[in-house]
Every structure is written in C-alpha cells, then in structure tokens.
Amino acid sequence: MKFDHYKKFVNATLDILLGLLAIVVVIFMLRYILDIGSMILRPLSTDLFGKVIQEVTSFFMLFEFVIMLIRYIEEGHHIPIRYLILISMTAILRQLLVLHDRGTETLLLTLAILVLAGVLTVFSYVSGDFKHSRDEKDVDIDQHF
C-alpha cells in the first residue's frame, strides 16, 4: 500500500516537472517564431535561406517534443515505440535538410530513414495494425498516425 502512495507522488512530481519543461519549450518555440519572422524581413541570400530552413526545422523538432510530452502524460507515463521512431525519423530529416552538401553523409542519413521506416512497417505488421483480408490488401495508413 505504501508503494502506491510513492508511485502517485512520483507521477505527480513528473507531471509537474514535465509541465514546466513544456512551458520552457513553448517559450523557445515563440523565440524561434520571432527569429524566423525577423529573418524573413531581411533581403534574401543563400546563407539566410539556409538559416531560415534550419530555424524552421528546429521549431518543428521542439513542436514534436511538446507533442511527445503531452502524449507521455496522456498515455499514463508511457511513450509508444512508434512515436519514438517517428520522432527519430523527423530528427534525421532535419539533419538531412541542414547538412545536404556531403554525399556520403546524405546517403547514410537516407539509409537510416529507410531502416526506421522498415522498422515502423514491421512493427505495425507484427502488432496487428494492418488489416489482412484475402480480398482486400489495402492498408489504411491514416489510422496508424
């Protein structure tokens, strides 16, 4: 019985700390929006365009992080593995958008995305998310995400 009280206390503490973390991340997201807005008003150059793309992808990484925190709390302090794979794919895509001038690194990042997509597909297949029918072989992708 005492363990349940500790568990509730730890979960409440985690919720409060994660809420504070989410507030800090949202503040940084607002800062990114202001930075992007100020960059857009400047005259366009190649360097500025690259910086804007980097800032936008960083913003979306923070957005995904906030969504992950919300999902973690909603799921009873559990993050589905599918979500972690999707976040990893997003992070690699961000890296690919920012650092696309080296051929070998681009190829390795692309292969990493392919491997994660394969893992996500196998995981969905094994967990029974795909509809199996002899007549119907279509998969409703929208319900997975």
N, C-alpha and C. Protein backbone atom coordinates (compact mmCIF):
# COMPACT_ATOMS: atom_id res chain seq x y z
N MET A 1 0.81 -1.20 0.00
CA MET A 1 0.00 0.00 0.00
C MET A 1 0.85 1.26 0.00
N LYS A 2 1.94 1.26 0.73
CA LYS A 2 2.78 2.44 0.78
C LYS A 2 3.40 2.73 -0.58
N PHE A 3 3.66 1.67 -1.33
CA PHE A 3 4.25 1.85 -2.66
C PHE A 3 3.33 2.64 -3.57
N ASP A 4 2.03 2.45 -3.46
CA ASP A 4 1.07 3.20 -4.28
C ASP A 4 1.14 4.69 -3.99
N HIS A 5 1.34 5.05 -2.74
CA HIS A 5 1.47 6.47 -2.40
C HIS A 5 2.72 7.07 -3.02
N TYR A 6 3.82 6.31 -2.96
CA TYR A 6 5.06 6.79 -3.57
C TYR A 6 4.93 6.91 -5.09
N LYS A 7 4.26 5.93 -5.66
CA LYS A 7 4.06 5.95 -7.11
C LYS A 7 3.22 7.17 -7.52
N LYS A 8 2.16 7.45 -6.79
CA LYS A 8 1.34 8.63 -7.09
C LYS A 8 2.14 9.91 -6.91
N PHE A 9 2.97 9.97 -5.85
CA PHE A 9 3.80 11.14 -5.62
C PHE A 9 4.80 11.35 -6.74
N VAL A 10 5.45 10.26 -7.15
CA VAL A 10 6.44 10.34 -8.23
C VAL A 10 5.76 10.75 -9.53
N ASN A 11 4.60 10.18 -9.83
CA ASN A 11 3.88 10.54 -11.06
C ASN A 11 3.43 12.00 -11.04
N ALA A 12 2.95 12.48 -9.89
CA ALA A 12 2.54 13.89 -9.79
C ALA A 12 3.75 14.80 -9.95
N THR A 13 4.88 14.42 -9.35
CA THR A 13 6.10 15.22 -9.49
C THR A 13 6.56 15.24 -10.94
N LEU A 14 6.52 14.09 -11.59
CA LEU A 14 6.89 14.02 -13.01
C LEU A 14 5.97 14.89 -13.87
N ASP A 15 4.68 14.84 -13.60
CA ASP A 15 3.74 15.66 -14.36
C ASP A 15 4.04 17.15 -14.20
N ILE A 16 4.35 17.57 -12.98
CA ILE A 16 4.66 18.98 -12.74
C ILE A 16 5.96 19.37 -13.46
N LEU A 17 7.00 18.54 -13.33
CA LEU A 17 8.27 18.85 -13.98
C LEU A 17 8.15 18.84 -15.50
N LEU A 18 7.41 17.88 -16.03
CA LEU A 18 7.20 17.84 -17.48
C LEU A 18 6.36 19.02 -17.96
N GLY A 19 5.42 19.45 -17.14
CA GLY A 19 4.65 20.64 -17.48
C GLY A 19 5.53 21.88 -17.54
N LEU A 20 6.44 22.01 -16.57
CA LEU A 20 7.39 23.12 -16.58
C LEU A 20 8.31 23.04 -17.79
N LEU A 21 8.76 21.84 -18.11
CA LEU A 21 9.60 21.65 -19.29
C LEU A 21 8.85 22.03 -20.56
N ALA A 22 7.59 21.66 -20.64
CA ALA A 22 6.78 22.02 -21.80
C ALA A 22 6.64 23.54 -21.92
N ILE A 23 6.48 24.22 -20.80
CA ILE A 23 6.38 25.69 -20.83
C ILE A 23 7.68 26.30 -21.34
N VAL A 24 8.82 25.79 -20.87
CA VAL A 24 10.12 26.29 -21.33
C VAL A 24 10.27 26.05 -22.84
N VAL A 25 9.87 24.88 -23.31
CA VAL A 25 9.99 24.57 -24.74
C VAL A 25 9.07 25.47 -25.56
N VAL A 26 7.87 25.74 -25.07
CA VAL A 26 6.96 26.63 -25.79
C VAL A 26 7.54 28.04 -25.86
N ILE A 27 8.20 28.49 -24.80
CA ILE A 27 8.86 29.81 -24.82
C ILE A 27 9.94 29.83 -25.90
N PHE A 28 10.73 28.76 -25.99
CA PHE A 28 11.74 28.69 -27.05
C PHE A 28 11.11 28.64 -28.43
N MET A 29 9.95 27.98 -28.54
CA MET A 29 9.26 27.95 -29.82
C MET A 29 8.82 29.36 -30.23
N LEU A 30 8.33 30.13 -29.28
CA LEU A 30 7.95 31.51 -29.58
C LEU A 30 9.18 32.31 -30.02
N ARG A 31 10.30 32.05 -29.38
CA ARG A 31 11.54 32.74 -29.78
C ARG A 31 11.92 32.38 -31.22
N TYR A 32 11.79 31.09 -31.56
CA TYR A 32 12.08 30.67 -32.94
C TYR A 32 11.16 31.36 -33.93
N ILE A 33 9.90 31.50 -33.58
CA ILE A 33 8.96 32.17 -34.48
C ILE A 33 9.37 33.62 -34.69
N LEU A 34 9.76 34.30 -33.61
CA LEU A 34 10.22 35.69 -33.74
C LEU A 34 11.49 35.77 -34.58
N ASP A 35 12.42 34.84 -34.36
CA ASP A 35 13.66 34.83 -35.16
C ASP A 35 13.37 34.60 -36.64
N ILE A 36 12.49 33.67 -36.92
CA ILE A 36 12.14 33.38 -38.31
C ILE A 36 11.47 34.59 -38.94
N GLY A 37 10.56 35.23 -38.19
CA GLY A 37 9.90 36.42 -38.70
C GLY A 37 10.89 37.54 -39.02
N SER A 38 11.87 37.73 -38.16
CA SER A 38 12.85 38.79 -38.42
C SER A 38 13.75 38.43 -39.59
N MET A 39 14.03 37.14 -39.78
CA MET A 39 14.87 36.72 -40.91
C MET A 39 14.14 36.89 -42.24
N ILE A 40 12.85 36.65 -42.23
CA ILE A 40 12.07 36.75 -43.46
C ILE A 40 12.03 38.20 -43.96
N LEU A 41 12.09 39.14 -43.04
CA LEU A 41 12.02 40.56 -43.43
C LEU A 41 13.34 41.08 -44.01
N ARG A 42 14.42 40.33 -43.85
CA ARG A 42 15.72 40.74 -44.40
C ARG A 42 15.78 40.41 -45.90
N PRO A 43 16.71 41.07 -46.62
CA PRO A 43 16.91 40.71 -48.03
C PRO A 43 17.38 39.25 -48.16
N LEU A 44 16.85 38.55 -49.14
CA LEU A 44 17.12 37.13 -49.30
C LEU A 44 18.53 36.89 -49.82
N SER A 45 19.20 35.93 -49.19
CA SER A 45 20.50 35.47 -49.66
C SER A 45 20.56 33.96 -49.43
N THR A 46 21.54 33.31 -50.01
CA THR A 46 21.67 31.86 -49.87
C THR A 46 21.91 31.47 -48.42
N ASP A 47 22.78 32.21 -47.74
CA ASP A 47 23.07 31.90 -46.34
C ASP A 47 21.83 32.10 -45.47
N LEU A 48 21.09 33.17 -45.74
CA LEU A 48 19.88 33.45 -44.96
C LEU A 48 18.83 32.37 -45.19
N PHE A 49 18.69 31.92 -46.43
CA PHE A 49 17.73 30.87 -46.73
C PHE A 49 18.06 29.60 -45.96
N GLY A 50 19.34 29.23 -45.93
CA GLY A 50 19.76 28.06 -45.17
C GLY A 50 19.49 28.20 -43.69
N LYS A 51 19.70 29.40 -43.17
CA LYS A 51 19.44 29.67 -41.75
C LYS A 51 17.95 29.59 -41.45
N VAL A 52 17.11 30.12 -42.35
CA VAL A 52 15.66 30.05 -42.15
C VAL A 52 15.20 28.60 -42.14
N ILE A 53 15.70 27.79 -43.07
CA ILE A 53 15.33 26.37 -43.10
C ILE A 53 15.77 25.68 -41.82
N GLN A 54 16.95 26.01 -41.34
CA GLN A 54 17.44 25.41 -40.10
C GLN A 54 16.56 25.81 -38.91
N GLU A 55 16.16 27.06 -38.85
CA GLU A 55 15.31 27.54 -37.76
C GLU A 55 13.92 26.89 -37.82
N VAL A 56 13.37 26.76 -39.02
CA VAL A 56 12.05 26.15 -39.17
C VAL A 56 12.08 24.68 -38.75
N THR A 57 13.11 23.96 -39.16
CA THR A 57 13.20 22.56 -38.77
C THR A 57 13.45 22.41 -37.27
N SER A 58 14.21 23.32 -36.68
CA SER A 58 14.40 23.30 -35.23
C SER A 58 13.08 23.56 -34.51
N PHE A 59 12.27 24.48 -35.06
CA PHE A 59 10.96 24.75 -34.49
C PHE A 59 10.11 23.49 -34.50
N PHE A 60 10.11 22.77 -35.61
CA PHE A 60 9.30 21.56 -35.68
C PHE A 60 9.81 20.46 -34.76
N MET A 61 11.12 20.43 -34.51
CA MET A 61 11.65 19.47 -33.54
C MET A 61 11.13 19.80 -32.14
N LEU A 62 11.11 21.08 -31.79
CA LEU A 62 10.56 21.48 -30.49
C LEU A 62 9.06 21.16 -30.42
N PHE A 63 8.37 21.39 -31.53
CA PHE A 63 6.94 21.07 -31.59
C PHE A 63 6.70 19.58 -31.33
N GLU A 64 7.49 18.74 -31.98
CA GLU A 64 7.37 17.30 -31.77
C GLU A 64 7.68 16.93 -30.33
N PHE A 65 8.63 17.62 -29.73
CA PHE A 65 8.98 17.35 -28.34
C PHE A 65 7.81 17.66 -27.41
N VAL A 66 7.13 18.79 -27.64
CA VAL A 66 5.97 19.14 -26.82
C VAL A 66 4.86 18.11 -27.01
N ILE A 67 4.63 17.72 -28.25
CA ILE A 67 3.61 16.70 -28.52
C ILE A 67 3.96 15.39 -27.82
N MET A 68 5.25 15.03 -27.82
CA MET A 68 5.68 13.81 -27.14
C MET A 68 5.44 13.92 -25.64
N LEU A 69 5.70 15.07 -25.04
CA LEU A 69 5.45 15.25 -23.61
C LEU A 69 3.96 15.11 -23.29
N ILE A 70 3.13 15.72 -24.12
CA ILE A 70 1.69 15.61 -23.91
C ILE A 70 1.24 14.16 -24.04
N ARG A 71 1.75 13.50 -25.06
CA ARG A 71 1.39 12.09 -25.28
C ARG A 71 1.85 11.22 -24.11
N TYR A 72 3.03 11.51 -23.58
CA TYR A 72 3.58 10.77 -22.45
C TYR A 72 2.65 10.86 -21.24
N ILE A 73 2.16 12.06 -20.97
CA ILE A 73 1.27 12.23 -19.82
C ILE A 73 -0.09 11.59 -20.09
N GLU A 74 -0.62 11.75 -21.32
CA GLU A 74 -1.92 11.16 -21.66
C GLU A 74 -1.90 9.65 -21.63
N GLU A 75 -0.79 9.03 -22.00
CA GLU A 75 -0.70 7.58 -22.07
C GLU A 75 -0.36 6.94 -20.72
N GLY A 76 -0.41 7.72 -19.66
CA GLY A 76 -0.12 7.15 -18.35
C GLY A 76 1.36 6.91 -18.14
N HIS A 77 2.18 7.87 -18.54
CA HIS A 77 3.63 7.81 -18.39
C HIS A 77 4.24 6.67 -19.19
N HIS A 78 3.82 6.62 -20.43
CA HIS A 78 4.32 5.61 -21.38
C HIS A 78 4.38 6.25 -22.76
N ILE A 79 5.50 6.07 -23.45
CA ILE A 79 5.63 6.59 -24.81
C ILE A 79 5.63 5.39 -25.75
N PRO A 80 4.68 5.33 -26.68
CA PRO A 80 4.68 4.22 -27.63
C PRO A 80 5.95 4.23 -28.50
N ILE A 81 6.48 3.06 -28.78
CA ILE A 81 7.71 2.94 -29.56
C ILE A 81 7.53 3.53 -30.95
N ARG A 82 6.34 3.45 -31.49
CA ARG A 82 6.04 4.01 -32.81
C ARG A 82 6.30 5.52 -32.81
N TYR A 83 5.94 6.16 -31.72
CA TYR A 83 6.14 7.60 -31.61
C TYR A 83 7.62 7.95 -31.59
N LEU A 84 8.40 7.17 -30.87
CA LEU A 84 9.85 7.41 -30.81
C LEU A 84 10.50 7.22 -32.18
N ILE A 85 10.03 6.24 -32.93
CA ILE A 85 10.56 6.01 -34.27
C ILE A 85 10.24 7.19 -35.18
N LEU A 86 9.01 7.68 -35.10
CA LEU A 86 8.62 8.83 -35.93
C LEU A 86 9.42 10.08 -35.56
N ILE A 87 9.66 10.28 -34.28
CA ILE A 87 10.46 11.43 -33.86
C ILE A 87 11.90 11.27 -34.35
N SER A 88 12.42 10.07 -34.31
CA SER A 88 13.77 9.83 -34.82
C SER A 88 13.85 10.11 -36.31
N MET A 89 12.84 9.70 -37.05
CA MET A 89 12.81 9.98 -38.48
C MET A 89 12.77 11.49 -38.73
N THR A 90 11.99 12.20 -37.93
CA THR A 90 11.91 13.66 -38.08
C THR A 90 13.25 14.31 -37.79
N ALA A 91 13.94 13.83 -36.77
CA ALA A 91 15.25 14.40 -36.42
C ALA A 91 16.26 14.14 -37.54
N ILE A 92 16.23 12.96 -38.12
CA ILE A 92 17.15 12.66 -39.21
C ILE A 92 16.82 13.49 -40.44
N LEU A 93 15.53 13.67 -40.72
CA LEU A 93 15.13 14.53 -41.84
C LEU A 93 15.61 15.96 -41.64
N ARG A 94 15.52 16.44 -40.41
CA ARG A 94 16.03 17.79 -40.13
C ARG A 94 17.52 17.86 -40.42
N GLN A 95 18.25 16.87 -39.97
CA GLN A 95 19.69 16.84 -40.22
C GLN A 95 19.97 16.78 -41.72
N LEU A 96 19.17 16.01 -42.43
CA LEU A 96 19.35 15.88 -43.87
C LEU A 96 19.09 17.20 -44.59
N LEU A 97 18.08 17.95 -44.13
CA LEU A 97 17.79 19.24 -44.74
C LEU A 97 18.90 20.26 -44.47
N VAL A 98 19.48 20.19 -43.30
CA VAL A 98 20.50 21.18 -42.93
C VAL A 98 21.86 20.82 -43.53
N LEU A 99 22.24 19.56 -43.48
CA LEU A 99 23.56 19.14 -43.96
C LEU A 99 23.40 18.24 -45.18
N HIS A 100 23.20 18.83 -46.31
CA HIS A 100 22.98 18.03 -47.52
C HIS A 100 24.10 18.22 -48.55
N ASP A 101 25.23 18.76 -48.11
CA ASP A 101 26.29 19.02 -49.08
C ASP A 101 27.32 17.90 -49.17
N ARG A 102 27.30 16.95 -48.26
CA ARG A 102 28.25 15.83 -48.29
C ARG A 102 27.52 14.57 -48.75
N GLY A 103 28.01 13.98 -49.82
CA GLY A 103 27.32 12.85 -50.43
C GLY A 103 27.24 11.62 -49.54
N THR A 104 28.34 11.24 -48.90
CA THR A 104 28.34 10.04 -48.07
C THR A 104 27.43 10.21 -46.87
N GLU A 105 27.48 11.37 -46.24
CA GLU A 105 26.63 11.62 -45.08
C GLU A 105 25.16 11.64 -45.48
N THR A 106 24.86 12.22 -46.62
CA THR A 106 23.48 12.23 -47.12
C THR A 106 22.98 10.81 -47.37
N LEU A 107 23.82 9.98 -47.97
CA LEU A 107 23.45 8.60 -48.23
C LEU A 107 23.19 7.84 -46.93
N LEU A 108 24.06 8.02 -45.93
CA LEU A 108 23.89 7.34 -44.65
C LEU A 108 22.62 7.80 -43.93
N LEU A 109 22.35 9.10 -43.98
CA LEU A 109 21.12 9.60 -43.36
C LEU A 109 19.88 9.05 -44.06
N THR A 110 19.95 8.97 -45.38
CA THR A 110 18.83 8.41 -46.14
C THR A 110 18.62 6.94 -45.81
N LEU A 111 19.71 6.19 -45.68
CA LEU A 111 19.61 4.78 -45.29
C LEU A 111 19.04 4.64 -43.88
N ALA A 112 19.42 5.54 -42.99
CA ALA A 112 18.88 5.49 -41.63
C ALA A 112 17.36 5.70 -41.64
N ILE A 113 16.89 6.64 -42.47
CA ILE A 113 15.44 6.86 -42.59
C ILE A 113 14.77 5.62 -43.16
N LEU A 114 15.39 5.01 -44.15
CA LEU A 114 14.84 3.79 -44.75
C LEU A 114 14.76 2.66 -43.72
N VAL A 115 15.79 2.50 -42.92
CA VAL A 115 15.78 1.46 -41.88
C VAL A 115 14.68 1.74 -40.86
N LEU A 116 14.54 2.99 -40.42
CA LEU A 116 13.48 3.32 -39.47
C LEU A 116 12.09 3.12 -40.06
N ALA A 117 11.93 3.46 -41.34
CA ALA A 117 10.64 3.22 -42.00
C ALA A 117 10.35 1.72 -42.06
N GLY A 118 11.39 0.93 -42.34
CA GLY A 118 11.23 -0.52 -42.34
C GLY A 118 10.86 -1.05 -40.97
N VAL A 119 11.52 -0.55 -39.94
CA VAL A 119 11.21 -0.96 -38.56
C VAL A 119 9.78 -0.59 -38.21
N LEU A 120 9.35 0.60 -38.61
CA LEU A 120 7.99 1.03 -38.34
C LEU A 120 6.98 0.15 -39.06
N THR A 121 7.28 -0.22 -40.29
CA THR A 121 6.39 -1.09 -41.05
C THR A 121 6.32 -2.48 -40.41
N VAL A 122 7.47 -3.05 -40.07
CA VAL A 122 7.49 -4.37 -39.44
C VAL A 122 6.77 -4.33 -38.09
N PHE A 123 7.03 -3.29 -37.32
CA PHE A 123 6.38 -3.16 -36.02
C PHE A 123 4.87 -3.08 -36.17
N SER A 124 4.40 -2.30 -37.12
CA SER A 124 2.96 -2.19 -37.35
C SER A 124 2.37 -3.52 -37.82
N TYR A 125 3.11 -4.23 -38.66
CA TYR A 125 2.64 -5.53 -39.16
C TYR A 125 2.56 -6.55 -38.03
N VAL A 126 3.60 -6.59 -37.20
CA VAL A 126 3.66 -7.56 -36.10
C VAL A 126 2.61 -7.26 -35.04
N SER A 127 2.38 -5.97 -34.77
CA SER A 127 1.42 -5.61 -33.73
C SER A 127 -0.02 -5.75 -34.19
N GLY A 128 -0.23 -6.12 -35.47
CA GLY A 128 -1.58 -6.38 -35.96
C GLY A 128 -2.32 -5.13 -36.39
N ASP A 129 -1.61 -4.05 -36.68
CA ASP A 129 -2.28 -2.82 -37.10
C ASP A 129 -2.77 -2.89 -38.53
N PHE A 130 -2.15 -3.73 -39.36
CA PHE A 130 -2.57 -3.83 -40.75
C PHE A 130 -3.80 -4.72 -40.85
N LYS A 131 -4.70 -4.35 -41.74
CA LYS A 131 -5.88 -5.17 -41.99
C LYS A 131 -5.47 -6.27 -42.97
N HIS A 132 -5.79 -7.49 -42.62
CA HIS A 132 -5.47 -8.60 -43.51
C HIS A 132 -6.76 -9.24 -44.00
N SER A 133 -6.86 -9.36 -45.28
CA SER A 133 -8.01 -9.99 -45.89
C SER A 133 -7.58 -10.57 -47.22
N ARG A 134 -8.21 -11.63 -47.61
CA ARG A 134 -7.86 -12.23 -48.90
C ARG A 134 -8.26 -11.34 -50.06
N ASP A 135 -9.40 -10.64 -49.91
CA ASP A 135 -9.88 -9.80 -50.99
C ASP A 135 -9.34 -8.38 -50.91
N GLU A 136 -9.04 -7.92 -49.72
CA GLU A 136 -8.66 -6.53 -49.53
C GLU A 136 -7.22 -6.45 -49.03
N LYS A 137 -6.34 -5.90 -49.85
CA LYS A 137 -4.95 -5.77 -49.48
C LYS A 137 -4.55 -4.33 -49.20
N ASP A 138 -5.53 -3.41 -49.21
CA ASP A 138 -5.23 -2.01 -48.94
C ASP A 138 -5.00 -1.80 -47.45
N VAL A 139 -4.13 -0.87 -47.16
CA VAL A 139 -3.82 -0.53 -45.78
C VAL A 139 -4.24 0.91 -45.55
N ASP A 140 -4.97 1.14 -44.48
CA ASP A 140 -5.38 2.49 -44.13
C ASP A 140 -4.29 3.13 -43.29
N ILE A 141 -3.41 3.88 -43.93
CA ILE A 141 -2.25 4.49 -43.27
C ILE A 141 -2.69 5.56 -42.28
N ASP A 142 -3.78 6.27 -42.55
CA ASP A 142 -4.20 7.37 -41.70
C ASP A 142 -4.48 6.91 -40.27
N GLN A 143 -4.96 5.71 -40.09
CA GLN A 143 -5.28 5.26 -38.74
C GLN A 143 -4.02 4.95 -37.94
N HIS A 144 -2.86 4.80 -38.58
CA HIS A 144 -1.64 4.48 -37.85
C HIS A 144 -1.01 5.70 -37.24
N PHE A 145 -1.26 6.87 -37.78
CA PHE A 145 -0.59 8.06 -37.30
C PHE A 145 -1.62 8.99 -36.79
